Protein backbone atom coordinates (compact mmCIF):
# COMPACT_ATOMS: atom_id res chain seq x y z
CA MET A 1 -54.09 -1.63 -31.13
CA THR A 2 -51.82 -4.55 -30.56
CA ARG A 3 -48.46 -4.04 -28.40
CA ILE A 4 -45.38 -3.98 -30.33
CA LYS A 5 -42.48 -5.68 -28.68
CA ARG A 6 -39.07 -4.33 -30.32
CA GLY A 7 -36.67 -5.78 -27.36
CA TYR A 8 -33.94 -7.39 -29.25
CA ILE A 9 -33.36 -4.66 -31.63
CA ALA A 10 -32.94 -2.14 -28.79
CA ARG A 11 -30.78 -4.22 -26.73
CA ARG A 12 -28.59 -5.08 -29.53
CA ARG A 13 -28.06 -1.55 -29.89
CA ARG A 14 -27.34 -1.05 -26.25
CA ASN A 15 -25.06 -4.15 -25.98
CA LYS A 16 -23.00 -2.31 -29.16
CA ILE A 17 -22.47 0.79 -27.09
CA ARG A 18 -21.76 -1.27 -23.98
CA LEU A 19 -18.69 -2.98 -25.53
CA VAL A 20 -16.90 0.38 -25.95
CA THR A 21 -17.56 1.46 -22.21
CA ALA A 22 -16.90 -2.18 -20.86
CA SER A 23 -13.55 -0.62 -18.54
CA PHE A 24 -15.52 2.19 -17.31
CA GLN A 25 -16.63 2.20 -13.69
CA GLY A 26 -19.75 2.31 -12.03
CA ALA A 27 -22.96 3.69 -13.70
CA ARG A 28 -20.81 4.81 -16.83
CA SER A 29 -20.72 1.05 -17.61
CA ARG A 30 -24.13 -0.03 -16.85
CA LEU A 31 -26.65 2.66 -17.41
CA SER A 32 -27.56 3.24 -21.10
CA ARG A 33 -27.74 7.01 -20.87
CA THR A 34 -24.61 7.65 -19.13
CA ILE A 35 -22.96 5.00 -21.35
CA THR A 36 -23.65 7.21 -24.45
CA GLN A 37 -22.48 10.34 -22.47
CA HIS A 38 -19.13 9.09 -21.34
CA LYS A 39 -18.58 7.59 -24.59
CA ILE A 40 -18.88 10.74 -26.47
CA ARG A 41 -16.78 12.57 -23.82
CA ALA A 42 -14.14 9.94 -24.08
CA LEU A 43 -13.98 10.09 -27.95
CA VAL A 44 -13.42 13.86 -27.69
CA SER A 45 -10.90 13.37 -25.09
CA ALA A 46 -9.16 11.10 -27.32
CA HIS A 47 -9.17 13.31 -30.33
CA GLN A 48 -7.79 16.32 -28.13
CA ASP A 49 -5.07 14.00 -26.74
CA ARG A 50 -4.00 12.97 -30.11
CA GLY A 51 -3.14 16.79 -30.82
CA ARG A 52 -1.32 17.36 -27.22
CA GLN A 53 0.60 14.11 -28.06
CA LYS A 54 2.03 15.73 -31.04
CA ARG A 55 2.92 19.00 -29.17
CA ASP A 56 4.46 17.05 -26.51
CA PHE A 57 6.91 15.05 -29.01
CA ARG A 58 7.81 18.11 -30.55
CA ARG A 59 8.71 19.84 -27.42
CA LEU A 60 10.61 16.71 -26.40
CA TRP A 61 12.62 16.84 -29.62
CA ILE A 62 13.48 20.48 -29.27
CA THR A 63 14.76 19.83 -25.88
CA ARG A 64 16.62 16.90 -26.63
CA ILE A 65 18.48 18.86 -29.48
CA ASN A 66 19.06 21.99 -27.35
CA ALA A 67 20.74 19.89 -24.75
CA VAL A 68 23.24 18.32 -27.25
CA ILE A 69 24.00 21.45 -29.03
CA ARG A 70 24.65 23.29 -25.62
CA SER A 71 26.66 20.45 -24.24
CA ASN A 72 28.82 20.36 -27.34
CA LYS A 73 29.71 24.33 -26.41
CA LEU A 74 28.90 25.32 -29.96
CA TYR A 75 28.60 28.95 -30.03
CA TYR A 76 24.73 28.85 -31.03
CA ASN A 77 21.81 27.56 -29.43
CA TYR A 78 18.98 25.49 -30.95
CA SER A 79 17.24 28.57 -32.50
CA GLY A 80 20.39 29.44 -34.31
CA LEU A 81 21.13 25.72 -35.51
CA ILE A 82 17.52 25.25 -36.97
CA HIS A 83 18.05 29.05 -38.51
CA ASN A 84 21.15 27.95 -40.12
CA LEU A 85 19.73 24.72 -41.39
CA TYR A 86 17.03 26.42 -43.18
CA LYS A 87 19.81 28.92 -44.69
CA GLY A 88 21.92 25.96 -45.70
CA GLN A 89 18.69 23.87 -47.29
CA LEU A 90 19.38 21.19 -45.15
CA LEU A 91 15.92 20.01 -44.67
CA LEU A 92 15.80 17.66 -41.49
CA ASN A 93 13.04 17.62 -39.29
CA ARG A 94 13.17 17.73 -35.59
CA LYS A 95 12.54 14.07 -34.98
CA ILE A 96 15.34 13.00 -37.13
CA LEU A 97 17.64 15.58 -35.78
CA ALA A 98 16.84 14.46 -32.02
CA GLN A 99 17.57 10.60 -32.89
CA ILE A 100 20.83 11.88 -34.50
CA ALA A 101 21.57 13.77 -31.31
CA ILE A 102 20.88 10.82 -29.04
CA LEU A 103 22.15 7.91 -31.07
CA ASN A 104 24.95 9.36 -32.78
CA ARG A 105 26.27 12.86 -31.82
CA ASN A 106 29.56 12.83 -34.01
CA CYS A 107 26.91 13.09 -36.93
CA LEU A 108 25.24 16.02 -35.34
CA TYR A 109 28.46 17.75 -34.79
CA MET A 110 29.34 17.04 -38.43
CA ILE A 111 26.08 18.63 -39.63
CA SER A 112 26.56 21.64 -37.38
CA ASN A 113 30.16 22.02 -38.75
CA GLU A 114 28.79 21.62 -42.24
CA ILE A 115 26.45 24.47 -41.60
CA LEU A 116 29.13 26.72 -40.22
CA LYS A 117 31.10 26.47 -43.43
């Protein structure tokens, strides 16, 4: 039986995987088996961190809104503001409210006064 040489196909496949892991250190960027394992792990971590990033930004927006509301000495806190927003059917998400709170506090005060009426 003749010997089958399939060198360049396997090398091409491995080089394609190596492009993804070029920034890894040590064996993680050189050995084929560890490259595939750590590439999978990196993709899993990236997927988890996208969800974590959404949570972190939401926490940041809530903190900013709460700080501005309390510094204004309004007689309700963040949860009261959000509750009254929904009661008054003013649908503003937390990202927009946080931007308004930082960039234009007077506008946020107008919104809160509109809710109180």
